[in-house]
Amino acid sequence: MRRELILLLVIVMLFSSLVSGNVAYGCIPEKLVEPIVSTNWLEANAGLKNLVILDVRSSADYGAGHIPNSISAPFEMPTSAWIIMKDDLLLELPDKEDIFNSLGTLGITKKSIVVIVTAVPGPSEPPYSLAGATRVADTLIYAGVKNVAILDGGYTKWVSEGKQATTEVPVVNETVYNGKVKKNMFVPIEYVEKKMGKSIIIDTRDANVYSGEVIEPYADKAGHIPNAKSLPTPLMWNQDGTYKSIDELQEMAASVADKDDSIIVYCGVGGYASSWWYVLTQVLGYKNVKFYDGSAQEWVRYNDMVLGY
C-alpha cells in the first residue's frame, strides 16, 4: 500500500510539472490535467502521451485552419456525435452505444487526455459555442473519460497569439471504446419534480429569461421553475471568451449554493447548464450536482413557470 501511495504521488508531481504557463483552475485529484488549460500549456504539451485534441467547431471552420493534430468533431444542432433530437427536444443525450461508437471513431480511450477546442463568438453574439465545448466535455465525462480539459479562449486565442495552425488533417487511429457511464449524472423531469423543495435548482439562462421578461423559442411559458435560483452562464466568461478566475467563479457559485448542497442545473435546452455543471463539479469541487438536460423546453410541457426574481 505504501509503495502504491508513493507511486501515485510521483505521478501527480510529474503531471503537475506539465501545467507550466497555466492558470490554476483546481483539479480533481485523480485527474492528470486541469479542467481548463491555457494555450501555452497546450503548446508546451502537444506531444503528451494519450493526448487527443478535439476541435468542436464546424467542419468548414476546421478546414480553414486548426491546431496541429487536432481532430474535427463538430458540435452541431440538431444532431451530431454529442447530441440528438429526441421527442422534439433539442440537445438530448445520445444512447450510450452511439456515444461509445463515436469516441472509438475519434480514437479516444479511457486513458485519453482530451482537450476540447472551440471558437469565441463575436462581441454581440451569445456564447453558445463556449457552452457547446462544455456540453462535449460533460458527455465525455459521462462516458467515463476522466481526463478532460477545455482550452481557455479556444482557437480564437490560439491564433491571436500567433501559435501554429494548419490545414493538414491527421490520421485517426480508430479504436473500440470501452467505458462505464456516470450514472445519475443526467436526470429526467420526474427526478426534478421529486426534488422540488429538497434540492437547489439553478437556472443558468440569462437573467431576463429567468425573470420572464424574455421568452425563448424553446419554451413557450415565461419565467423559471418554481424556487429556482438564477446563475446566468454568460457571466462565467470574460469578454475575450476566457474563463473568469477561480475566485470569481467560486463567488458566483457560492451566491446560490454551498458545496455540500444537492443541486440540479438546467437552462433552455441543455447548453448553458452544461457549463455550470462542468465548472461546479470539475473546477470548484461540488460533489452532488445533477444535470437536467430536458430543461425548460421539456418542463413547460407539463408544468408551469413562475415570474420575477
C-alpha atoms as a PDB file:
ATOM      1  CA  MET A   1       0.000   0.000   0.000  1.00  0.00           C
ATOM      2  CA  ARG A   2       2.817   2.421   0.924  1.00  0.00           C
ATOM      3  CA  ARG A   3       4.528   1.727  -2.390  1.00  0.00           C
ATOM      4  CA  GLU A   4       1.304   2.435  -4.301  1.00  0.00           C
ATOM      5  CA  LEU A   5       0.842   5.727  -2.465  1.00  0.00           C
ATOM      6  CA  ILE A   6       4.392   6.808  -3.278  1.00  0.00           C
ATOM      7  CA  LEU A   7       3.889   5.903  -6.926  1.00  0.00           C
ATOM      8  CA  LEU A   8       0.667   7.907  -7.019  1.00  0.00           C
ATOM      9  CA  LEU A   9       2.414  10.949  -5.545  1.00  0.00           C
ATOM     10  CA  VAL A  10       5.177  10.679  -8.139  1.00  0.00           C
ATOM     11  CA  ILE A  11       2.624  10.563 -10.949  1.00  0.00           C
ATOM     12  CA  VAL A  12       0.775  13.572  -9.561  1.00  0.00           C
ATOM     13  CA  MET A  13       4.020  15.540  -9.222  1.00  0.00           C
ATOM     14  CA  LEU A  14       5.040  14.599 -12.755  1.00  0.00           C
ATOM     15  CA  PHE A  15       1.864  15.848 -14.326  1.00  0.00           C
ATOM     16  CA  SER A  16       1.782  18.914 -12.121  1.00  0.00           C
ATOM     17  CA  SER A  17       5.034  19.914 -13.764  1.00  0.00           C
ATOM     18  CA  LEU A  18       3.278  19.852 -17.119  1.00  0.00           C
ATOM     19  CA  VAL A  19       0.981  22.740 -16.306  1.00  0.00           C
ATOM     20  CA  SER A  20       3.604  25.461 -16.643  1.00  0.00           C
ATOM     21  CA  GLY A  21       2.043  28.602 -18.059  1.00  0.00           C
ATOM     22  CA  ASN A  22      -1.400  27.501 -16.950  1.00  0.00           C
ATOM     23  CA  VAL A  23      -3.570  29.450 -14.501  1.00  0.00           C
ATOM     24  CA  ALA A  24      -4.640  27.027 -11.766  1.00  0.00           C
ATOM     25  CA  TYR A  25      -8.352  26.207 -12.004  1.00  0.00           C
ATOM     26  CA  GLY A  26      -8.353  23.418  -9.476  1.00  0.00           C
ATOM     27  CA  CYS A  27      -8.084  19.786 -10.366  1.00  0.00           C
ATOM     28  CA  ILE A  28      -9.848  16.647  -9.213  1.00  0.00           C
ATOM     29  CA  PRO A  29      -7.048  14.613  -7.554  1.00  0.00           C
ATOM     30  CA  GLU A  30      -7.271  11.581  -9.834  1.00  0.00           C
ATOM     31  CA  LYS A  31      -7.156  13.676 -12.987  1.00  0.00           C
ATOM     32  CA  LEU A  32      -3.913  14.177 -14.906  1.00  0.00           C
ATOM     33  CA  VAL A  33      -4.891  17.509 -16.404  1.00  0.00           C
ATOM     34  CA  GLU A  34      -6.625  20.616 -15.119  1.00  0.00           C
ATOM     35  CA  PRO A  35     -10.209  21.185 -16.314  1.00  0.00           C
ATOM     36  CA  ILE A  36      -9.297  24.454 -18.045  1.00  0.00           C
ATOM     37  CA  VAL A  37      -5.913  24.670 -19.770  1.00  0.00           C
ATOM     38  CA  SER A  38      -4.157  27.612 -21.360  1.00  0.00           C
ATOM     39  CA  THR A  39      -2.897  27.919 -24.912  1.00  0.00           C
ATOM     40  CA  ASN A  40       0.650  27.947 -23.546  1.00  0.00           C
ATOM     41  CA  TRP A  41       0.007  24.667 -21.748  1.00  0.00           C
ATOM     42  CA  LEU A  42      -1.324  23.013 -24.883  1.00  0.00           C
ATOM     43  CA  GLU A  43       1.564  24.273 -26.988  1.00  0.00           C
ATOM     44  CA  ALA A  44       4.098  23.019 -24.419  1.00  0.00           C
ATOM     45  CA  ASN A  45       2.385  19.623 -24.041  1.00  0.00           C
ATOM     46  CA  ALA A  46       1.430  18.893 -27.643  1.00  0.00           C
ATOM     47  CA  GLY A  47       3.470  15.698 -27.552  1.00  0.00           C
ATOM     48  CA  LEU A  48       1.893  14.376 -24.367  1.00  0.00           C
ATOM     49  CA  LYS A  49       1.149  10.652 -24.466  1.00  0.00           C
ATOM     50  CA  ASN A  50      -2.549   9.837 -24.980  1.00  0.00           C
ATOM     51  CA  LEU A  51      -3.373  13.470 -25.826  1.00  0.00           C
ATOM     52  CA  VAL A  52      -6.398  13.948 -28.080  1.00  0.00           C
ATOM     53  CA  ILE A  53      -7.264  17.469 -29.225  1.00  0.00           C
ATOM     54  CA  LEU A  54     -10.920  17.700 -30.235  1.00  0.00           C
ATOM     55  CA  ASP A  55     -11.941  20.652 -32.395  1.00  0.00           C
ATOM     56  CA  VAL A  56     -15.699  21.013 -31.980  1.00  0.00           C
ATOM     57  CA  ARG A  57     -16.108  23.952 -34.359  1.00  0.00           C
ATOM     58  CA  SER A  58     -17.867  23.461 -37.690  1.00  0.00           C
ATOM     59  CA  SER A  59     -16.221  21.313 -40.347  1.00  0.00           C
ATOM     60  CA  ALA A  60     -15.797  24.404 -42.520  1.00  0.00           C
ATOM     61  CA  ASP A  61     -14.001  26.338 -39.781  1.00  0.00           C
ATOM     62  CA  TYR A  62     -11.798  23.348 -39.038  1.00  0.00           C
ATOM     63  CA  GLY A  63     -10.935  23.011 -42.721  1.00  0.00           C
ATOM     64  CA  ALA A  64      -9.896  26.655 -42.909  1.00  0.00           C
ATOM     65  CA  GLY A  65      -7.325  26.126 -40.165  1.00  0.00           C
ATOM     66  CA  HIS A  66      -6.880  24.300 -36.876  1.00  0.00           C
ATOM     67  CA  ILE A  67      -4.396  23.392 -34.179  1.00  0.00           C
ATOM     68  CA  PRO A  68      -1.899  20.797 -35.447  1.00  0.00           C
ATOM     69  CA  ASN A  69      -3.008  17.197 -34.838  1.00  0.00           C
ATOM     70  CA  SER A  70      -6.449  18.261 -33.680  1.00  0.00           C
ATOM     71  CA  ILE A  71      -9.384  16.121 -34.781  1.00  0.00           C
ATOM     72  CA  SER A  72     -12.628  17.528 -36.133  1.00  0.00           C
ATOM     73  CA  ALA A  73     -15.677  16.542 -34.068  1.00  0.00           C
ATOM     74  CA  PRO A  74     -18.264  19.291 -34.632  1.00  0.00           C
ATOM     75  CA  PHE A  75     -20.847  20.134 -32.015  1.00  0.00           C
ATOM     76  CA  GLU A  76     -23.786  20.867 -34.281  1.00  0.00           C
ATOM     77  CA  MET A  77     -27.537  21.090 -33.847  1.00  0.00           C
ATOM     78  CA  PRO A  78     -29.821  19.278 -34.128  1.00  0.00           C
ATOM     79  CA  THR A  79     -27.718  16.093 -34.380  1.00  0.00           C
ATOM     80  CA  SER A  80     -24.050  15.265 -34.058  1.00  0.00           C
ATOM     81  CA  ALA A  81     -21.845  12.834 -32.172  1.00  0.00           C
ATOM     82  CA  TRP A  82     -22.642  14.744 -28.989  1.00  0.00           C
ATOM     83  CA  ILE A  83     -26.367  15.488 -29.124  1.00  0.00           C
ATOM     84  CA  ILE A  84     -29.583  14.266 -30.684  1.00  0.00           C
ATOM     85  CA  MET A  85     -33.165  15.454 -31.018  1.00  0.00           C
ATOM     86  CA  LYS A  86     -35.497  13.194 -29.107  1.00  0.00           C
ATOM     87  CA  ASP A  87     -39.258  13.608 -28.747  1.00  0.00           C
ATOM     88  CA  ASP A  88     -38.818  17.044 -30.355  1.00  0.00           C
ATOM     89  CA  LEU A  89     -36.415  18.054 -27.576  1.00  0.00           C
ATOM     90  CA  LEU A  90     -33.091  19.616 -28.550  1.00  0.00           C
ATOM     91  CA  LEU A  91     -29.663  18.714 -27.141  1.00  0.00           C
ATOM     92  CA  GLU A  92     -30.635  15.362 -25.724  1.00  0.00           C
ATOM     93  CA  LEU A  93     -28.031  12.799 -24.749  1.00  0.00           C
ATOM     94  CA  PRO A  94     -27.391  10.102 -27.381  1.00  0.00           C
ATOM     95  CA  ASP A  95     -27.661   6.451 -26.433  1.00  0.00           C
ATOM     96  CA  LYS A  96     -24.627   5.065 -24.631  1.00  0.00           C
ATOM     97  CA  GLU A  97     -23.751   2.757 -27.516  1.00  0.00           C
ATOM     98  CA  ASP A  98     -23.772   5.636 -30.002  1.00  0.00           C
ATOM     99  CA  ILE A  99     -21.536   7.746 -27.762  1.00  0.00           C
ATOM    100  CA  PHE A 100     -19.097   4.858 -27.361  1.00  0.00           C
ATOM    101  CA  ASN A 101     -19.020   4.299 -31.120  1.00  0.00           C
ATOM    102  CA  SER A 102     -18.306   7.984 -31.712  1.00  0.00           C
ATOM    103  CA  LEU A 103     -15.482   8.007 -29.188  1.00  0.00           C
ATOM    104  CA  GLY A 104     -13.920   4.936 -30.754  1.00  0.00           C
ATOM    105  CA  THR A 105     -14.086   6.549 -34.191  1.00  0.00           C
ATOM    106  CA  LEU A 106     -12.250   9.563 -32.759  1.00  0.00           C
ATOM    107  CA  GLY A 107      -9.523   7.338 -31.302  1.00  0.00           C
ATOM    108  CA  ILE A 108     -10.495   8.101 -27.711  1.00  0.00           C
ATOM    109  CA  THR A 109      -9.915   5.583 -24.923  1.00  0.00           C
ATOM    110  CA  LYS A 110     -10.447   5.751 -21.159  1.00  0.00           C
ATOM    111  CA  LYS A 111      -6.763   6.669 -20.864  1.00  0.00           C
ATOM    112  CA  SER A 112      -7.004   9.609 -23.269  1.00  0.00           C
ATOM    113  CA  ILE A 113      -6.295  13.161 -22.175  1.00  0.00           C
ATOM    114  CA  VAL A 114      -8.859  15.105 -24.180  1.00  0.00           C
ATOM    115  CA  VAL A 115      -8.574  18.852 -24.758  1.00  0.00           C
ATOM    116  CA  ILE A 116     -11.639  20.468 -26.326  1.00  0.00           C
ATOM    117  CA  VAL A 117     -11.224  23.410 -28.672  1.00  0.00           C
ATOM    118  CA  THR A 118     -13.958  25.772 -29.792  1.00  0.00           C
ATOM    119  CA  ALA A 119     -14.130  29.350 -31.075  1.00  0.00           C
ATOM    120  CA  VAL A 120     -15.038  32.501 -29.193  1.00  0.00           C
ATOM    121  CA  PRO A 121     -18.172  34.215 -30.580  1.00  0.00           C
ATOM    122  CA  GLY A 122     -18.236  37.840 -31.625  1.00  0.00           C
ATOM    123  CA  PRO A 123     -18.960  40.609 -29.088  1.00  0.00           C
ATOM    124  CA  SER A 124     -22.657  40.808 -29.984  1.00  0.00           C
ATOM    125  CA  GLU A 125     -23.210  37.052 -30.194  1.00  0.00           C
ATOM    126  CA  PRO A 126     -24.349  34.814 -27.327  1.00  0.00           C
ATOM    127  CA  PRO A 127     -21.661  32.405 -26.083  1.00  0.00           C
ATOM    128  CA  TYR A 128     -23.325  29.293 -27.433  1.00  0.00           C
ATOM    129  CA  SER A 129     -20.062  27.961 -28.865  1.00  0.00           C
ATOM    130  CA  LEU A 130     -18.420  28.137 -25.438  1.00  0.00           C
ATOM    131  CA  ALA A 131     -21.341  26.242 -23.943  1.00  0.00           C
ATOM    132  CA  GLY A 132     -21.025  23.700 -26.747  1.00  0.00           C
ATOM    133  CA  ALA A 133     -17.500  22.912 -25.561  1.00  0.00           C
ATOM    134  CA  THR A 134     -18.698  22.199 -22.035  1.00  0.00           C
ATOM    135  CA  ARG A 135     -21.527  20.048 -23.358  1.00  0.00           C
ATOM    136  CA  VAL A 136     -18.946  17.917 -25.178  1.00  0.00           C
ATOM    137  CA  ALA A 137     -16.819  17.808 -22.016  1.00  0.00           C
ATOM    138  CA  ASP A 138     -19.799  16.693 -19.934  1.00  0.00           C
ATOM    139  CA  THR A 139     -20.621  13.952 -22.442  1.00  0.00           C
ATOM    140  CA  LEU A 140     -17.051  12.652 -22.306  1.00  0.00           C
ATOM    141  CA  ILE A 141     -17.137  12.600 -18.506  1.00  0.00           C
ATOM    142  CA  TYR A 142     -20.500  10.823 -18.601  1.00  0.00           C
ATOM    143  CA  ALA A 143     -18.944   8.204 -20.884  1.00  0.00           C
ATOM    144  CA  GLY A 144     -16.127   7.547 -18.422  1.00  0.00           C
ATOM    145  CA  VAL A 145     -13.289   9.658 -19.808  1.00  0.00           C
ATOM    146  CA  LYS A 146     -11.620  11.077 -16.692  1.00  0.00           C
ATOM    147  CA  ASN A 147      -9.026  13.402 -18.161  1.00  0.00           C
ATOM    148  CA  VAL A 148     -10.980  16.114 -19.934  1.00  0.00           C
ATOM    149  CA  ALA A 149      -9.998  19.762 -20.355  1.00  0.00           C
ATOM    150  CA  ILE A 150     -11.213  22.842 -22.208  1.00  0.00           C
ATOM    151  CA  LEU A 151      -8.801  25.154 -23.998  1.00  0.00           C
ATOM    152  CA  ASP A 152      -9.225  28.574 -22.401  1.00  0.00           C
ATOM    153  CA  GLY A 153     -10.033  31.127 -25.103  1.00  0.00           C
ATOM    154  CA  GLY A 154     -10.247  28.378 -27.722  1.00  0.00           C
ATOM    155  CA  TYR A 155      -8.880  28.506 -31.226  1.00  0.00           C
ATOM    156  CA  THR A 156      -9.552  32.237 -31.292  1.00  0.00           C
ATOM    157  CA  LYS A 157      -6.953  32.885 -28.595  1.00  0.00           C
ATOM    158  CA  TRP A 158      -4.567  30.348 -30.103  1.00  0.00           C
ATOM    159  CA  VAL A 159      -4.343  32.127 -33.447  1.00  0.00           C
ATOM    160  CA  SER A 160      -4.395  35.608 -31.880  1.00  0.00           C
ATOM    161  CA  GLU A 161      -1.141  34.690 -30.145  1.00  0.00           C
ATOM    162  CA  GLY A 162       0.479  33.652 -33.395  1.00  0.00           C
ATOM    163  CA  LYS A 163       0.641  29.978 -32.497  1.00  0.00           C
ATOM    164  CA  GLN A 164       0.943  27.408 -35.249  1.00  0.00           C
ATOM    165  CA  ALA A 165      -2.131  26.481 -37.295  1.00  0.00           C
ATOM    166  CA  THR A 166      -2.504  24.056 -40.151  1.00  0.00           C
ATOM    167  CA  THR A 167      -4.979  22.674 -42.675  1.00  0.00           C
ATOM    168  CA  GLU A 168      -3.411  19.218 -42.603  1.00  0.00           C
ATOM    169  CA  VAL A 169      -5.819  16.563 -41.337  1.00  0.00           C
ATOM    170  CA  PRO A 170      -4.229  13.967 -39.035  1.00  0.00           C
ATOM    171  CA  VAL A 171      -4.767  10.240 -39.357  1.00  0.00           C
ATOM    172  CA  VAL A 172      -7.037   8.992 -36.588  1.00  0.00           C
ATOM    173  CA  ASN A 173      -6.250   5.640 -35.008  1.00  0.00           C
ATOM    174  CA  GLU A 174      -9.747   4.348 -34.519  1.00  0.00           C
ATOM    175  CA  THR A 175     -10.385   2.016 -31.629  1.00  0.00           C
ATOM    176  CA  VAL A 176     -13.152   0.320 -29.689  1.00  0.00           C
ATOM    177  CA  TYR A 177     -14.142   2.430 -26.727  1.00  0.00           C
ATOM    178  CA  ASN A 178     -14.972   0.514 -23.581  1.00  0.00           C
ATOM    179  CA  GLY A 179     -16.171   2.725 -20.778  1.00  0.00           C
ATOM    180  CA  LYS A 180     -18.553   2.900 -17.873  1.00  0.00           C
ATOM    181  CA  VAL A 181     -21.120   5.669 -17.876  1.00  0.00           C
ATOM    182  CA  LYS A 182     -21.545   8.019 -14.933  1.00  0.00           C
ATOM    183  CA  LYS A 183     -24.995   7.002 -13.796  1.00  0.00           C
ATOM    184  CA  ASN A 184     -27.411   9.578 -12.392  1.00  0.00           C
ATOM    185  CA  MET A 185     -25.409  12.494 -13.801  1.00  0.00           C
ATOM    186  CA  PHE A 186     -28.227  13.363 -16.221  1.00  0.00           C
ATOM    187  CA  VAL A 187     -31.645  13.310 -14.594  1.00  0.00           C
ATOM    188  CA  PRO A 188     -35.191  13.178 -16.027  1.00  0.00           C
ATOM    189  CA  ILE A 189     -38.061  15.532 -15.328  1.00  0.00           C
ATOM    190  CA  GLU A 190     -39.523  13.128 -12.752  1.00  0.00           C
ATOM    191  CA  TYR A 191     -36.357  13.479 -10.666  1.00  0.00           C
ATOM    192  CA  VAL A 192     -36.626  17.271 -10.717  1.00  0.00           C
ATOM    193  CA  GLU A 193     -40.296  17.158  -9.724  1.00  0.00           C
ATOM    194  CA  LYS A 194     -39.483  14.785  -6.868  1.00  0.00           C
ATOM    195  CA  LYS A 195     -36.655  17.009  -5.614  1.00  0.00           C
ATOM    196  CA  MET A 196     -38.679  20.230  -5.536  1.00  0.00           C
ATOM    197  CA  GLY A 197     -38.019  21.863  -2.172  1.00  0.00           C
ATOM    198  CA  LYS A 198     -35.256  19.356  -1.386  1.00  0.00           C
ATOM    199  CA  SER A 199     -32.544  20.259  -3.909  1.00  0.00           C
ATOM    200  CA  ILE A 200     -31.321  23.662  -5.002  1.00  0.00           C
ATOM    201  CA  ILE A 201     -32.422  24.184  -8.601  1.00  0.00           C
ATOM    202  CA  ILE A 202     -30.197  26.537 -10.582  1.00  0.00           C
ATOM    203  CA  ASP A 203     -31.476  28.292 -13.696  1.00  0.00           C
ATOM    204  CA  THR A 204     -28.448  29.087 -15.863  1.00  0.00           C
ATOM    205  CA  ARG A 205     -30.229  31.102 -18.555  1.00  0.00           C
ATOM    206  CA  ASP A 206     -29.901  34.857 -18.952  1.00  0.00           C
ATOM    207  CA  ALA A 207     -31.442  36.850 -16.086  1.00  0.00           C
ATOM    208  CA  ASN A 208     -34.141  38.381 -18.286  1.00  0.00           C
ATOM    209  CA  VAL A 209     -35.226  34.911 -19.388  1.00  0.00           C
ATOM    210  CA  TYR A 210     -35.263  33.672 -15.793  1.00  0.00           C
ATOM    211  CA  SER A 211     -37.464  36.600 -14.739  1.00  0.00           C
ATOM    212  CA  GLY A 212     -39.888  36.141 -17.620  1.00  0.00           C
ATOM    213  CA  GLU A 213     -39.104  39.430 -19.366  1.00  0.00           C
ATOM    214  CA  VAL A 214     -37.891  37.453 -22.388  1.00  0.00           C
ATOM    215  CA  ILE A 215     -39.365  34.221 -23.714  1.00  0.00           C
ATOM    216  CA  GLU A 216     -37.002  31.943 -25.618  1.00  0.00           C
ATOM    217  CA  PRO A 217     -38.292  29.987 -28.633  1.00  0.00           C
ATOM    218  CA  TYR A 218     -37.601  26.674 -26.893  1.00  0.00           C
ATOM    219  CA  ALA A 219     -40.122  27.237 -24.083  1.00  0.00           C
ATOM    220  CA  ASP A 220     -43.453  28.996 -24.637  1.00  0.00           C
ATOM    221  CA  LYS A 221     -44.035  29.851 -20.965  1.00  0.00           C
ATOM    222  CA  ALA A 222     -42.279  32.805 -19.352  1.00  0.00           C
ATOM    223  CA  GLY A 223     -40.301  32.553 -16.152  1.00  0.00           C
ATOM    224  CA  HIS A 224     -38.486  29.782 -14.323  1.00  0.00           C
ATOM    225  CA  ILE A 225     -39.047  26.540 -12.433  1.00  0.00           C
ATOM    226  CA  PRO A 226     -40.535  27.366  -9.011  1.00  0.00           C
ATOM    227  CA  ASN A 227     -37.909  28.144  -6.348  1.00  0.00           C
ATOM    228  CA  ALA A 228     -35.074  28.011  -8.882  1.00  0.00           C
ATOM    229  CA  LYS A 229     -32.164  30.398  -8.333  1.00  0.00           C
ATOM    230  CA  SER A 230     -30.625  32.443 -11.130  1.00  0.00           C
ATOM    231  CA  LEU A 231     -26.982  31.918 -12.117  1.00  0.00           C
ATOM    232  CA  PRO A 232     -26.560  33.113 -15.726  1.00  0.00           C
ATOM    233  CA  THR A 233     -23.920  31.143 -17.588  1.00  0.00           C
ATOM    234  CA  PRO A 234     -22.539  34.030 -19.714  1.00  0.00           C
ATOM    235  CA  LEU A 235     -21.222  35.630 -16.510  1.00  0.00           C
ATOM    236  CA  MET A 236     -18.532  32.949 -16.200  1.00  0.00           C
ATOM    237  CA  TRP A 237     -16.576  34.217 -19.189  1.00  0.00           C
ATOM    238  CA  ASN A 238     -14.560  37.347 -19.819  1.00  0.00           C
ATOM    239  CA  GLN A 239     -15.199  39.367 -22.978  1.00  0.00           C
ATOM    240  CA  ASP A 240     -12.396  37.527 -24.759  1.00  0.00           C
ATOM    241  CA  GLY A 241     -14.032  34.163 -24.081  1.00  0.00           C
ATOM    242  CA  THR A 242     -11.609  33.099 -21.364  1.00  0.00           C
ATOM    243  CA  TYR A 243     -12.906  31.895 -18.044  1.00  0.00           C
ATOM    244  CA  LYS A 244     -13.026  34.222 -15.089  1.00  0.00           C
ATOM    245  CA  SER A 245     -10.703  33.487 -12.181  1.00  0.00           C
ATOM    246  CA  ILE A 246     -11.440  30.608  -9.857  1.00  0.00           C
ATOM    247  CA  ASP A 247     -12.139  33.097  -7.064  1.00  0.00           C
ATOM    248  CA  GLU A 248     -14.717  34.886  -9.213  1.00  0.00           C
ATOM    249  CA  LEU A 249     -16.321  31.602 -10.253  1.00  0.00           C
ATOM    250  CA  GLN A 250     -16.455  30.435  -6.648  1.00  0.00           C
ATOM    251  CA  GLU A 251     -18.042  33.698  -5.541  1.00  0.00           C
ATOM    252  CA  MET A 252     -20.746  33.364  -8.190  1.00  0.00           C
ATOM    253  CA  ALA A 253     -21.439  29.742  -7.287  1.00  0.00           C
ATOM    254  CA  ALA A 254     -21.496  30.446  -3.541  1.00  0.00           C
ATOM    255  CA  SER A 255     -24.184  33.087  -4.090  1.00  0.00           C
ATOM    256  CA  VAL A 256     -26.683  30.332  -4.884  1.00  0.00           C
ATOM    257  CA  ALA A 257     -25.392  27.113  -3.311  1.00  0.00           C
ATOM    258  CA  ASP A 258     -22.883  25.596  -0.910  1.00  0.00           C
ATOM    259  CA  LYS A 259     -20.580  22.732  -1.849  1.00  0.00           C
ATOM    260  CA  ASP A 260     -22.500  20.218   0.252  1.00  0.00           C
ATOM    261  CA  ASP A 261     -25.888  21.104  -1.233  1.00  0.00           C
ATOM    262  CA  SER A 262     -27.853  18.827  -3.534  1.00  0.00           C
ATOM    263  CA  ILE A 263     -28.029  20.762  -6.817  1.00  0.00           C
ATOM    264  CA  ILE A 264     -29.837  20.478 -10.150  1.00  0.00           C
ATOM    265  CA  VAL A 265     -28.813  22.687 -13.078  1.00  0.00           C
ATOM    266  CA  TYR A 266     -30.994  23.456 -16.080  1.00  0.00           C
ATOM    267  CA  CYS A 267     -31.324  26.032 -18.863  1.00  0.00           C
ATOM    268  CA  GLY A 268     -33.343  26.335 -22.066  1.00  0.00           C
ATOM    269  CA  VAL A 269     -32.321  23.180 -23.913  1.00  0.00           C
ATOM    270  CA  GLY A 270     -29.194  21.836 -22.201  1.00  0.00           C
ATOM    271  CA  GLY A 271     -26.348  24.059 -23.393  1.00  0.00           C
ATOM    272  CA  TYR A 272     -25.775  26.708 -20.739  1.00  0.00           C
ATOM    273  CA  ALA A 273     -26.498  24.213 -17.949  1.00  0.00           C
ATOM    274  CA  SER A 274     -23.596  22.084 -19.166  1.00  0.00           C
ATOM    275  CA  SER A 275     -21.206  24.961 -18.450  1.00  0.00           C
ATOM    276  CA  TRP A 276     -22.171  25.312 -14.816  1.00  0.00           C
ATOM    277  CA  TRP A 277     -22.250  21.538 -14.341  1.00  0.00           C
ATOM    278  CA  TYR A 278     -18.672  21.454 -15.621  1.00  0.00           C
ATOM    279  CA  VAL A 279     -17.437  24.398 -13.565  1.00  0.00           C
ATOM    280  CA  LEU A 280     -19.200  23.350 -10.373  1.00  0.00           C
ATOM    281  CA  THR A 281     -18.019  19.749 -10.460  1.00  0.00           C
ATOM    282  CA  GLN A 282     -14.681  19.854 -12.281  1.00  0.00           C
ATOM    283  CA  VAL A 283     -13.328  23.278 -11.303  1.00  0.00           C
ATOM    284  CA  LEU A 284     -14.892  24.084  -7.935  1.00  0.00           C
ATOM    285  CA  GLY A 285     -15.287  20.614  -6.466  1.00  0.00           C
ATOM    286  CA  TYR A 286     -19.050  20.483  -5.882  1.00  0.00           C
ATOM    287  CA  LYS A 287     -19.932  16.826  -5.329  1.00  0.00           C
ATOM    288  CA  ASN A 288     -23.690  16.498  -5.793  1.00  0.00           C
ATOM    289  CA  VAL A 289     -24.728  18.242  -8.999  1.00  0.00           C
ATOM    290  CA  LYS A 290     -27.283  16.780 -11.403  1.00  0.00           C
ATOM    291  CA  PHE A 291     -27.881  17.868 -14.988  1.00  0.00           C
ATOM    292  CA  TYR A 292     -31.484  18.181 -16.155  1.00  0.00           C
ATOM    293  CA  ASP A 293     -30.900  18.279 -19.905  1.00  0.00           C
ATOM    294  CA  GLY A 294     -34.599  18.252 -20.763  1.00  0.00           C
ATOM    295  CA  SER A 295     -34.527  21.739 -19.233  1.00  0.00           C
ATOM    296  CA  ALA A 296     -37.168  24.430 -19.771  1.00  0.00           C
ATOM    297  CA  GLN A 297     -38.164  23.098 -23.195  1.00  0.00           C
ATOM    298  CA  GLU A 298     -39.475  19.932 -21.539  1.00  0.00           C
ATOM    299  CA  TRP A 299     -40.588  21.393 -18.216  1.00  0.00           C
ATOM    300  CA  VAL A 300     -43.160  23.748 -19.767  1.00  0.00           C
ATOM    301  CA  ARG A 301     -44.902  20.833 -21.480  1.00  0.00           C
ATOM    302  CA  TYR A 302     -46.079  19.505 -18.130  1.00  0.00           C
ATOM    303  CA  ASN A 303     -45.592  22.250 -15.548  1.00  0.00           C
ATOM    304  CA  ASP A 304     -45.951  25.965 -15.002  1.00  0.00           C
ATOM    305  CA  MET A 305     -43.221  28.544 -14.543  1.00  0.00           C
ATOM    306  CA  VAL A 306     -43.102  31.459 -12.095  1.00  0.00           C
ATOM    307  CA  LEU A 307     -42.215  35.057 -12.876  1.00  0.00           C
ATOM    308  CA  GLY A 308     -39.843  37.505 -11.219  1.00  0.00           C
ATOM    309  CA  TYR A 309     -36.562  37.261  -9.381  1.00  0.00           C
END
